[in-house]
Amino acid sequence: MANDERRATSTEDVLTKIDPQEVIDLALALGNIDSPTGSEGPAGQFVFDWLAKNSFAPKKYAMIPERFNVAATLPGTGGGYSLIFNAHLDTTLRSDAEWSARDPKDPLYHSAWVEGDSIYGDGVVNDKGPMAAFLVAAKAIRDAGYPLKGDLIVSAVAGEISREPIDEWQGPMYLSKDLGVRFMVTHGVVADFALVAEGTGFGIVGIEPGKAHFKVTVYTDGPRYYTPYLPRPTEMADSPNAIVRAAAVLAEFEKWALDYQTRNTYRGENGTIVPKASVNAIRSGYPFNVTSAPQIAAFYVDTRILPGANPMDVREELRGVLRRVGVPGEVELYVYRPGFEAKGAERLIDTIKRCHAATFPTPPAIVADAVTSMWRDTNAFNEVGIPAISYAPRAQSHAATKSFKLKDLTDAALVYARIAMDLCDQDRPANVPLGAHINRNIAGSVSEARSGRR
């Protein structure tokens, strides 16, 4: 593309194409499509249709037909870095999750609305609002005719929010990370960098932990006592009821969990990880037959682990919890997903900082420890070698309020447009290895040798 053609369309020409109301309306439309993990299809189809309607050429990437990812490319003219914008389609709570939330049908989890200067809804803040922002930003770049040198890819993926197969809960409805970013990238959606538009309060997050899920099973060593024959008193750890024994184990677990997160806290250049552990499910007995003490109980543990940590070491620590209480049992690792610190992301980080400064009066926010202590799809990109950073507005209260300021959402579209134009117009040499790949130096050495022979 000739330089005079590139100058004919300026950054400001693109920014004036961004209609704040369009960003809000798209966020509302997406937020009002209820798409809990496992039921992302209608939201994915909406994004696909929106992209097609706006002259993109979207494609579906599906391990399972009804749970597909969507991506579309704004092709560059050549010679620039490529960038993936990414957000997820799935939301956190199913309306039938009666044993997870006191009111699983709360509209805050299943719809979206504007009230005053804020937009509300779990689906908007996590993660369809930022998705709307980068979709409108990409549309503005295309509508303005801005000639990017590198490709810009927009993507919307399934299965970011954990839903993992365990026990009798098996099959496609219980898959998550494996059919989202990882599947999309390994089937052709590759770029030099990825920006994951997940809430950071417009801070830059370049490190996130992995996760390990464990099933801890507790046994009794006596008969299955009929209630009238139940012996008392006993210590909790010696109870003939597995539920009571599990309570003793849980008390010790809570002590362990605090110690675990304290001694494994990591403070680095890209952020702080406080890896926490929590018991988030428990089962024993049958509510339709409560006349006898159960001999078995199980609880299920979500544990965050540092990048590079071995989940088998955590398993051994949980076995130690059982030993200290003196209760027989087993610890099963049933999910392991590694965490990463982004490598080779310096160019993307510098670009974000520069474009942030052009959009906001203050530098990127200092990110709270909790934000750098959660699993996001940056891990999936970094694992396959694509340097990835999280950067987006964040809910005023992620746990309760679940809302964005409208201006934060519309400003996100402006800064995303700037980031895309800046990064994709930076000159890219030939043969650039994947910056986050563990073996990038091998490809880099061959590229250097080839350059030396010219």
Protein backbone atom coordinates (compact mmCIF):
# COMPACT_ATOMS: atom_id res chain seq x y z
CA MET A 1 0.00 0.00 0.00
CA ALA A 2 1.51 3.33 -1.01
CA ASN A 3 2.41 5.77 1.76
CA ASP A 4 0.10 8.45 0.40
CA GLU A 5 -2.82 5.96 0.56
CA ARG A 6 -1.92 5.10 4.14
CA ARG A 7 -1.84 8.79 5.08
CA ALA A 8 -5.20 9.35 3.37
CA THR A 9 -6.92 7.53 6.22
CA SER A 10 -5.77 8.66 9.66
CA THR A 11 -6.23 7.22 13.12
CA GLU A 12 -8.75 9.96 13.83
CA ASP A 13 -10.73 8.96 10.75
CA VAL A 14 -11.11 5.51 12.27
CA LEU A 15 -11.97 6.76 15.75
CA THR A 16 -14.75 8.98 14.40
CA LYS A 17 -16.31 5.84 12.91
CA ILE A 18 -16.78 4.40 16.39
CA ASP A 19 -20.32 5.15 17.51
CA PRO A 20 -20.56 4.84 21.32
CA GLN A 21 -24.22 3.87 21.05
CA GLU A 22 -23.34 1.04 18.68
CA VAL A 23 -20.91 -0.35 21.26
CA ILE A 24 -23.57 -0.19 23.98
CA ASP A 25 -26.29 -1.66 21.79
CA LEU A 26 -24.07 -4.55 20.72
CA ALA A 27 -23.07 -5.24 24.33
CA LEU A 28 -26.76 -5.26 25.33
CA ALA A 29 -27.70 -7.57 22.47
CA LEU A 30 -24.96 -10.02 23.41
CA GLY A 31 -25.64 -9.72 27.13
CA ASN A 32 -29.30 -10.58 26.61
CA ILE A 33 -28.42 -13.89 24.97
CA ASP A 34 -28.17 -16.30 27.88
CA SER A 35 -25.16 -18.48 27.11
CA PRO A 36 -23.85 -20.36 30.16
CA THR A 37 -20.95 -22.70 29.55
CA GLY A 38 -22.24 -25.59 27.47
CA SER A 39 -24.91 -23.47 25.77
CA GLU A 40 -22.83 -20.94 23.83
CA GLY A 41 -24.34 -21.72 20.41
CA PRO A 42 -26.94 -18.91 20.14
CA ALA A 43 -24.40 -16.27 21.21
CA GLY A 44 -21.82 -17.66 18.77
CA GLN A 45 -24.35 -17.58 15.95
CA PHE A 46 -25.20 -13.96 16.78
CA VAL A 47 -21.52 -12.96 16.52
CA PHE A 48 -21.14 -14.93 13.29
CA ASP A 49 -24.18 -13.22 11.76
CA TRP A 50 -23.09 -9.77 12.96
CA LEU A 51 -19.68 -10.21 11.36
CA ALA A 52 -21.19 -11.43 8.09
CA LYS A 53 -23.68 -8.54 8.05
CA ASN A 54 -20.81 -6.10 8.48
CA SER A 55 -18.83 -7.45 5.51
CA PHE A 56 -16.40 -9.68 7.37
CA ALA A 57 -15.93 -13.32 6.39
CA PRO A 58 -16.43 -15.20 9.67
CA LYS A 59 -15.62 -18.87 10.16
CA LYS A 60 -16.69 -21.37 12.77
CA TYR A 61 -14.18 -23.59 14.57
CA ALA A 62 -15.93 -26.42 16.35
CA MET A 63 -14.91 -29.56 18.18
CA ILE A 64 -18.62 -29.97 18.89
CA PRO A 65 -21.08 -28.51 16.34
CA GLU A 66 -23.30 -26.71 18.85
CA ARG A 67 -20.37 -25.27 20.82
CA PHE A 68 -18.31 -23.45 18.22
CA ASN A 69 -15.78 -20.62 18.21
CA VAL A 70 -16.06 -17.73 15.76
CA ALA A 71 -13.21 -15.81 14.16
CA ALA A 72 -12.87 -13.34 11.30
CA THR A 73 -9.80 -11.75 9.76
CA LEU A 74 -9.31 -8.22 8.52
CA PRO A 75 -6.45 -9.01 6.12
CA GLY A 76 -3.36 -6.84 6.13
CA THR A 77 -1.40 -5.73 3.11
CA GLY A 78 1.75 -7.47 4.35
CA GLY A 79 4.84 -6.67 6.37
CA GLY A 80 3.18 -5.93 9.72
CA TYR A 81 2.56 -7.82 12.95
CA SER A 82 -0.68 -9.72 13.33
CA LEU A 83 -3.00 -9.50 16.34
CA ILE A 84 -5.88 -11.56 17.72
CA PHE A 85 -8.55 -9.87 19.81
CA ASN A 86 -10.24 -12.50 21.95
CA ALA A 87 -13.19 -12.75 24.34
CA HIS A 88 -15.42 -15.59 25.46
CA LEU A 89 -19.06 -16.32 24.72
CA ASP A 90 -19.93 -18.36 27.79
CA THR A 91 -21.27 -16.96 31.04
CA THR A 92 -20.91 -18.16 34.60
CA LEU A 93 -24.24 -19.43 35.92
CA ARG A 94 -26.88 -21.76 34.55
CA SER A 95 -30.44 -21.03 35.62
CA ASP A 96 -30.75 -24.58 36.99
CA ALA A 97 -27.66 -24.29 39.24
CA GLU A 98 -29.75 -24.56 42.40
CA TRP A 99 -26.91 -25.95 44.49
CA SER A 100 -24.45 -23.23 43.48
CA ALA A 101 -26.42 -20.01 43.89
CA ARG A 102 -29.29 -19.03 46.19
CA ASP A 103 -31.07 -17.47 43.22
CA PRO A 104 -29.69 -18.98 40.01
CA LYS A 105 -32.42 -17.26 38.00
CA ASP A 106 -31.33 -13.78 39.13
CA PRO A 107 -31.60 -11.56 36.00
CA LEU A 108 -28.14 -10.18 36.74
CA TYR A 109 -26.75 -13.50 35.50
CA HIS A 110 -28.93 -13.92 32.43
CA SER A 111 -29.68 -10.49 30.96
CA ALA A 112 -28.29 -6.99 30.46
CA TRP A 113 -29.62 -3.47 30.87
CA VAL A 114 -28.56 0.15 31.14
CA GLU A 115 -29.30 2.08 34.29
CA GLY A 116 -27.99 5.63 34.64
CA ASP A 117 -24.39 5.79 33.47
CA SER A 118 -23.75 2.05 33.83
CA ILE A 119 -24.47 -1.17 31.95
CA TYR A 120 -25.36 -4.20 34.07
CA GLY A 121 -25.18 -7.95 33.60
CA ASP A 122 -22.79 -10.79 34.32
CA GLY A 123 -22.59 -11.64 30.63
CA VAL A 124 -21.63 -8.07 29.76
CA VAL A 125 -18.81 -7.74 32.27
CA ASN A 126 -17.62 -11.31 31.66
CA ASP A 127 -17.05 -11.07 28.77
CA LYS A 128 -19.37 -9.77 26.05
CA GLY A 129 -18.93 -6.06 26.76
CA PRO A 130 -15.23 -6.03 25.88
CA MET A 131 -16.09 -8.31 22.94
CA ALA A 132 -18.55 -5.70 21.65
CA ALA A 133 -15.88 -3.02 22.03
CA PHE A 134 -13.27 -4.75 19.86
CA LEU A 135 -15.85 -5.88 17.30
CA VAL A 136 -16.96 -2.27 16.78
CA ALA A 137 -13.32 -1.16 16.73
CA ALA A 138 -12.52 -3.65 13.96
CA LYS A 139 -15.61 -2.57 12.05
CA ALA A 140 -14.49 1.06 12.26
CA ILE A 141 -11.06 0.17 10.88
CA ARG A 142 -12.67 -1.66 8.00
CA ASP A 143 -15.32 1.01 7.33
CA ALA A 144 -12.72 3.79 7.32
CA GLY A 145 -10.60 1.86 4.84
CA TYR A 146 -7.55 2.02 7.08
CA PRO A 147 -4.89 -0.16 5.40
CA LEU A 148 -3.34 -2.31 8.11
CA LYS A 149 -0.09 -4.02 7.21
CA GLY A 150 -0.62 -7.00 9.51
CA ASP A 151 -3.74 -9.12 9.89
CA LEU A 152 -6.27 -8.24 12.57
CA ILE A 153 -8.34 -11.19 13.83
CA VAL A 154 -11.40 -10.90 16.05
CA SER A 155 -12.51 -14.01 17.89
CA ALA A 156 -15.28 -15.17 20.21
CA VAL A 157 -14.76 -18.52 21.91
CA ALA A 158 -16.66 -21.13 23.85
CA GLY A 159 -15.64 -22.85 27.05
CA GLU A 160 -13.53 -20.27 28.87
CA ILE A 161 -15.41 -20.75 32.12
CA SER A 162 -14.58 -24.02 33.84
CA ARG A 163 -16.89 -26.98 33.39
CA GLU A 164 -14.92 -30.19 33.74
CA PRO A 165 -15.93 -33.87 33.42
CA ILE A 166 -15.87 -35.82 36.69
CA ASP A 167 -17.69 -38.88 38.04
CA GLU A 168 -21.01 -39.33 36.19
CA TRP A 169 -20.87 -35.85 34.67
CA GLN A 170 -19.27 -36.70 31.34
CA GLY A 171 -19.57 -35.72 27.70
CA PRO A 172 -19.57 -32.59 25.54
CA MET A 173 -21.63 -30.50 27.96
CA TYR A 174 -18.86 -30.79 30.55
CA LEU A 175 -15.96 -29.69 28.38
CA SER A 176 -14.53 -26.20 28.54
CA LYS A 177 -10.96 -25.08 27.80
CA ASP A 178 -10.24 -27.91 25.37
CA LEU A 179 -12.80 -26.75 22.80
CA GLY A 180 -12.19 -22.99 23.05
CA VAL A 181 -9.00 -21.05 22.32
CA ARG A 182 -6.80 -24.12 22.14
CA PHE A 183 -8.98 -25.78 19.48
CA MET A 184 -9.34 -22.54 17.51
CA VAL A 185 -5.60 -21.85 17.43
CA THR A 186 -4.60 -25.41 16.56
CA HIS A 187 -7.04 -25.22 13.66
CA GLY A 188 -5.58 -22.16 12.04
CA VAL A 189 -6.30 -18.99 14.02
CA VAL A 190 -2.70 -17.93 14.67
CA ALA A 191 -1.13 -14.51 15.04
CA ASP A 192 2.01 -12.88 16.43
CA PHE A 193 0.15 -11.63 19.52
CA ALA A 194 -3.17 -12.01 21.32
CA LEU A 195 -5.02 -9.46 23.41
CA VAL A 196 -7.55 -11.16 25.67
CA ALA A 197 -10.26 -8.62 26.44
CA GLU A 198 -11.05 -9.69 30.00
CA GLY A 199 -11.61 -7.32 32.90
CA THR A 200 -8.44 -5.78 34.31
CA GLY A 201 -9.59 -2.22 35.05
CA PHE A 202 -7.48 -1.20 32.04
CA GLY A 203 -4.43 -2.63 33.75
CA ILE A 204 -2.01 -4.85 31.84
CA VAL A 205 -1.92 -8.47 33.03
CA GLY A 206 0.94 -10.62 31.80
CA ILE A 207 0.92 -13.49 34.29
CA GLU A 208 -1.78 -15.87 35.49
CA PRO A 209 -1.77 -19.09 37.51
CA GLY A 210 -2.74 -22.53 36.42
CA LYS A 211 -5.30 -24.68 38.16
CA ALA A 212 -5.59 -28.17 39.57
CA HIS A 213 -8.85 -29.79 40.64
CA PHE A 214 -8.89 -32.62 43.15
CA LYS A 215 -11.49 -35.05 44.42
CA VAL A 216 -10.86 -35.91 48.07
CA THR A 217 -12.74 -39.00 49.20
CA VAL A 218 -13.19 -39.82 52.90
CA TYR A 219 -14.09 -43.28 54.20
CA THR A 220 -15.29 -44.79 57.45
CA ASP A 221 -13.92 -48.10 58.69
CA GLY A 222 -17.07 -49.39 60.38
CA PRO A 223 -20.54 -50.54 59.37
CA ARG A 224 -23.22 -48.40 57.75
CA TYR A 225 -25.04 -47.59 60.94
CA TYR A 226 -28.82 -47.31 61.05
CA THR A 227 -29.55 -44.07 62.92
CA PRO A 228 -30.95 -45.70 66.11
CA TYR A 229 -27.68 -47.70 66.46
CA LEU A 230 -25.28 -44.78 65.79
CA PRO A 231 -22.63 -44.76 68.55
CA ARG A 232 -21.91 -41.50 70.40
CA PRO A 233 -19.91 -39.74 71.62
CA THR A 234 -16.89 -39.93 69.26
CA GLU A 235 -14.32 -37.47 68.05
CA MET A 236 -15.29 -36.04 64.64
CA ALA A 237 -12.36 -37.77 62.93
CA ASP A 238 -13.47 -41.10 64.45
CA SER A 239 -17.16 -40.75 63.67
CA PRO A 240 -18.85 -43.70 61.94
CA ASN A 241 -20.50 -41.11 59.67
CA ALA A 242 -18.35 -40.13 56.67
CA ILE A 243 -19.96 -36.70 56.51
CA VAL A 244 -18.82 -35.93 60.04
CA ARG A 245 -15.34 -37.24 59.27
CA ALA A 246 -15.25 -35.04 56.17
CA ALA A 247 -16.09 -32.05 58.38
CA ALA A 248 -12.99 -32.78 60.44
CA VAL A 249 -10.91 -32.97 57.27
CA LEU A 250 -12.39 -29.72 55.99
CA ALA A 251 -11.39 -27.90 59.15
CA GLU A 252 -7.80 -29.01 58.62
CA PHE A 253 -8.06 -28.19 54.91
CA GLU A 254 -8.91 -24.58 55.70
CA LYS A 255 -5.74 -24.26 57.79
CA TRP A 256 -3.73 -25.82 54.98
CA ALA A 257 -5.28 -23.57 52.32
CA LEU A 258 -4.23 -20.38 54.12
CA ASP A 259 -0.72 -21.70 54.60
CA TYR A 260 -0.59 -22.84 50.96
CA GLN A 261 -1.50 -19.46 49.52
CA THR A 262 0.84 -17.63 51.91
CA ARG A 263 3.98 -19.63 51.17
CA ASN A 264 3.29 -19.82 47.43
CA THR A 265 2.55 -16.13 46.80
CA TYR A 266 4.65 -14.90 43.88
CA ARG A 267 5.46 -11.25 43.22
CA GLY A 268 6.99 -10.52 39.83
CA GLU A 269 7.40 -7.82 37.23
CA ASN A 270 4.13 -8.77 35.49
CA GLY A 271 2.00 -9.04 38.61
CA THR A 272 1.35 -10.90 41.85
CA ILE A 273 -0.19 -14.36 42.11
CA VAL A 274 -1.84 -15.42 45.36
CA PRO A 275 -2.75 -19.04 44.57
CA LYS A 276 -5.82 -19.93 46.61
CA ALA A 277 -7.60 -23.22 47.20
CA SER A 278 -11.29 -23.70 47.90
CA VAL A 279 -13.72 -26.57 48.46
CA ASN A 280 -16.56 -25.79 46.06
CA ALA A 281 -18.57 -29.02 45.94
CA ILE A 282 -19.34 -31.87 48.34
CA ARG A 283 -21.44 -35.04 48.17
CA SER A 284 -22.41 -37.95 50.39
CA GLY A 285 -25.48 -40.03 50.99
CA TYR A 286 -28.89 -39.59 49.36
CA PRO A 287 -31.48 -37.06 50.50
CA PHE A 288 -34.31 -39.50 49.74
CA ASN A 289 -32.81 -42.08 52.11
CA VAL A 290 -31.33 -40.55 55.25
CA THR A 291 -31.87 -43.36 57.72
CA SER A 292 -28.27 -44.64 57.75
CA ALA A 293 -24.87 -42.99 58.16
CA PRO A 294 -22.91 -42.97 54.87
CA GLN A 295 -19.56 -44.72 54.73
CA ILE A 296 -18.20 -42.44 52.02
CA ALA A 297 -18.07 -38.69 51.40
CA ALA A 298 -16.21 -36.63 48.82
CA PHE A 299 -15.36 -32.99 48.38
CA TYR A 300 -13.96 -31.26 45.33
CA VAL A 301 -11.13 -28.74 45.47
CA ASP A 302 -10.24 -25.90 43.12
CA THR A 303 -6.55 -25.10 43.61
CA ARG A 304 -4.65 -22.39 41.78
CA ILE A 305 -1.02 -23.21 41.10
CA LEU A 306 1.95 -21.09 40.08
CA PRO A 307 3.30 -21.25 36.53
CA GLY A 308 5.58 -24.25 36.39
CA ALA A 309 4.25 -25.82 39.60
CA ASN A 310 3.70 -29.57 39.67
CA PRO A 311 0.09 -30.51 40.58
CA MET A 312 1.31 -33.82 41.98
CA ASP A 313 3.06 -31.89 44.75
CA VAL A 314 -0.27 -30.32 45.69
CA ARG A 315 -1.86 -33.77 45.65
CA GLU A 316 0.74 -34.95 48.14
CA GLU A 317 -0.02 -31.97 50.40
CA LEU A 318 -3.72 -32.83 50.35
CA ARG A 319 -2.85 -36.42 51.27
CA GLY A 320 -0.97 -34.88 54.17
CA VAL A 321 -4.19 -33.17 55.29
CA LEU A 322 -5.87 -36.60 55.52
CA ARG A 323 -2.90 -38.04 57.43
CA ARG A 324 -2.85 -35.22 59.96
CA VAL A 325 -6.52 -35.73 60.75
CA GLY A 326 -6.09 -39.50 60.84
CA VAL A 327 -8.89 -40.21 58.39
CA PRO A 328 -8.59 -42.83 55.64
CA GLY A 329 -9.19 -41.53 52.14
CA GLU A 330 -7.94 -40.85 48.63
CA VAL A 331 -6.95 -37.77 46.64
CA GLU A 332 -7.54 -37.81 42.89
CA LEU A 333 -6.24 -35.16 40.47
CA TYR A 334 -8.87 -34.77 37.78
CA VAL A 335 -8.00 -31.45 36.12
CA TYR A 336 -4.62 -29.89 35.42
CA ARG A 337 -4.25 -26.72 33.40
CA PRO A 338 -0.90 -24.90 33.50
CA GLY A 339 -0.43 -21.19 34.06
CA PHE A 340 2.04 -18.93 32.32
CA GLU A 341 3.91 -15.67 32.43
CA ALA A 342 3.82 -14.15 28.95
CA LYS A 343 7.13 -14.32 27.11
CA GLY A 344 7.93 -12.27 24.03
CA ALA A 345 5.02 -9.89 24.72
CA GLU A 346 7.11 -6.73 25.14
CA ARG A 347 6.05 -5.24 21.81
CA LEU A 348 2.37 -5.77 22.62
CA ILE A 349 2.76 -4.35 26.13
CA ASP A 350 4.57 -1.26 24.84
CA THR A 351 1.85 -0.76 22.23
CA ILE A 352 -0.90 -1.05 24.84
CA LYS A 353 0.85 1.49 27.08
CA ARG A 354 1.27 3.93 24.20
CA CYS A 355 -2.34 3.64 23.06
CA HIS A 356 -3.62 3.77 26.63
CA ALA A 357 -1.79 7.07 27.11
CA ALA A 358 -3.44 8.43 23.97
CA THR A 359 -6.89 7.48 25.30
CA PHE A 360 -6.80 8.02 29.06
CA PRO A 361 -5.39 10.79 31.29
CA THR A 362 -3.79 8.32 33.73
CA PRO A 363 -1.43 5.37 33.18
CA PRO A 364 -2.68 1.76 33.21
CA ALA A 365 -4.18 0.82 36.55
CA ILE A 366 -2.34 -1.18 39.18
CA VAL A 367 -4.06 -4.54 38.97
CA ALA A 368 -5.41 -6.16 42.14
CA ASP A 369 -3.82 -9.43 43.18
CA ALA A 370 -7.09 -11.30 42.64
CA VAL A 371 -7.09 -10.27 38.98
CA THR A 372 -3.64 -11.77 38.39
CA SER A 373 -4.57 -14.86 40.42
CA MET A 374 -7.25 -16.28 38.12
CA TRP A 375 -7.15 -18.53 35.04
CA ARG A 376 -7.94 -16.85 31.72
CA ASP A 377 -7.53 -17.67 28.05
CA THR A 378 -4.19 -15.85 28.00
CA ASN A 379 -2.88 -19.14 29.41
CA ALA A 380 -4.22 -21.07 26.41
CA PHE A 381 -2.57 -18.68 23.95
CA ASN A 382 0.73 -18.60 25.83
CA GLU A 383 0.76 -22.39 26.08
CA VAL A 384 0.68 -22.72 22.28
CA GLY A 385 3.33 -20.05 21.81
CA ILE A 386 1.35 -16.87 21.10
CA PRO A 387 2.31 -14.06 23.51
CA ALA A 388 -0.92 -12.97 25.19
CA ILE A 389 -1.90 -10.15 27.53
CA SER A 390 -5.20 -9.36 29.27
CA TYR A 391 -6.44 -5.76 29.06
CA ALA A 392 -10.04 -4.50 29.37
CA PRO A 393 -12.38 -2.52 31.61
CA ARG A 394 -13.46 -4.25 34.80
CA ALA A 395 -16.70 -4.47 36.74
CA GLN A 396 -17.01 -2.10 39.68
CA SER A 397 -17.69 -5.18 41.83
CA HIS A 398 -17.05 -8.43 39.99
CA ALA A 399 -18.75 -10.50 42.69
CA ALA A 400 -21.89 -8.41 43.27
CA THR A 401 -22.59 -5.34 41.14
CA LYS A 402 -21.50 -6.77 37.77
CA SER A 403 -21.58 -3.50 35.87
CA PHE A 404 -19.39 -1.25 33.73
CA LYS A 405 -19.51 2.48 33.39
CA LEU A 406 -20.79 3.12 29.88
CA LYS A 407 -17.83 5.40 29.19
CA ASP A 408 -15.38 2.64 30.14
CA LEU A 409 -16.99 0.38 27.57
CA THR A 410 -16.96 2.96 24.78
CA ASP A 411 -13.42 4.04 25.67
CA ALA A 412 -12.42 0.38 25.32
CA ALA A 413 -13.47 0.49 21.67
CA LEU A 414 -11.29 3.57 21.12
CA VAL A 415 -8.20 2.11 22.76
CA TYR A 416 -8.64 -1.27 21.00
CA ALA A 417 -8.80 0.49 17.63
CA ARG A 418 -5.63 2.40 18.45
CA ILE A 419 -3.84 -0.79 19.56
CA ALA A 420 -4.78 -2.63 16.36
CA MET A 421 -3.69 0.20 14.08
CA ASP A 422 -0.44 0.75 15.97
CA LEU A 423 0.66 -2.88 16.34
CA CYS A 424 -0.43 -4.10 12.91
CA ASP A 425 1.40 -1.22 11.25
CA GLN A 426 4.73 -1.94 12.93
CA ASP A 427 7.24 -3.39 10.48
CA ARG A 428 7.65 -7.12 10.94
CA PRO A 429 10.75 -8.89 9.67
CA ALA A 430 10.41 -12.20 7.91
CA ASN A 431 10.55 -15.46 9.86
CA VAL A 432 9.58 -14.32 13.36
CA PRO A 433 9.29 -17.28 15.78
CA LEU A 434 6.26 -17.56 18.05
CA GLY A 435 7.38 -15.33 20.89
CA ALA A 436 5.97 -17.38 23.77
CA HIS A 437 6.94 -20.81 22.46
CA ILE A 438 9.22 -22.74 24.79
CA ASN A 439 11.48 -23.63 21.83
CA ARG A 440 11.38 -20.28 20.03
CA ASN A 441 15.19 -20.12 20.14
CA ILE A 442 15.45 -23.14 17.82
CA ALA A 443 13.40 -21.47 15.09
CA GLY A 444 15.19 -18.19 15.81
CA SER A 445 18.65 -19.73 15.36
CA VAL A 446 17.74 -21.14 11.95
CA SER A 447 16.25 -17.80 10.91
CA GLU A 448 19.43 -15.98 11.98
CA ALA A 449 21.61 -18.47 10.14
CA ARG A 450 19.51 -18.05 6.99
CA SER A 451 19.78 -14.27 7.23
CA GLY A 452 23.55 -14.54 7.63
CA ARG A 453 23.85 -16.50 4.37
CA ARG A 454 22.14 -13.82 2.33
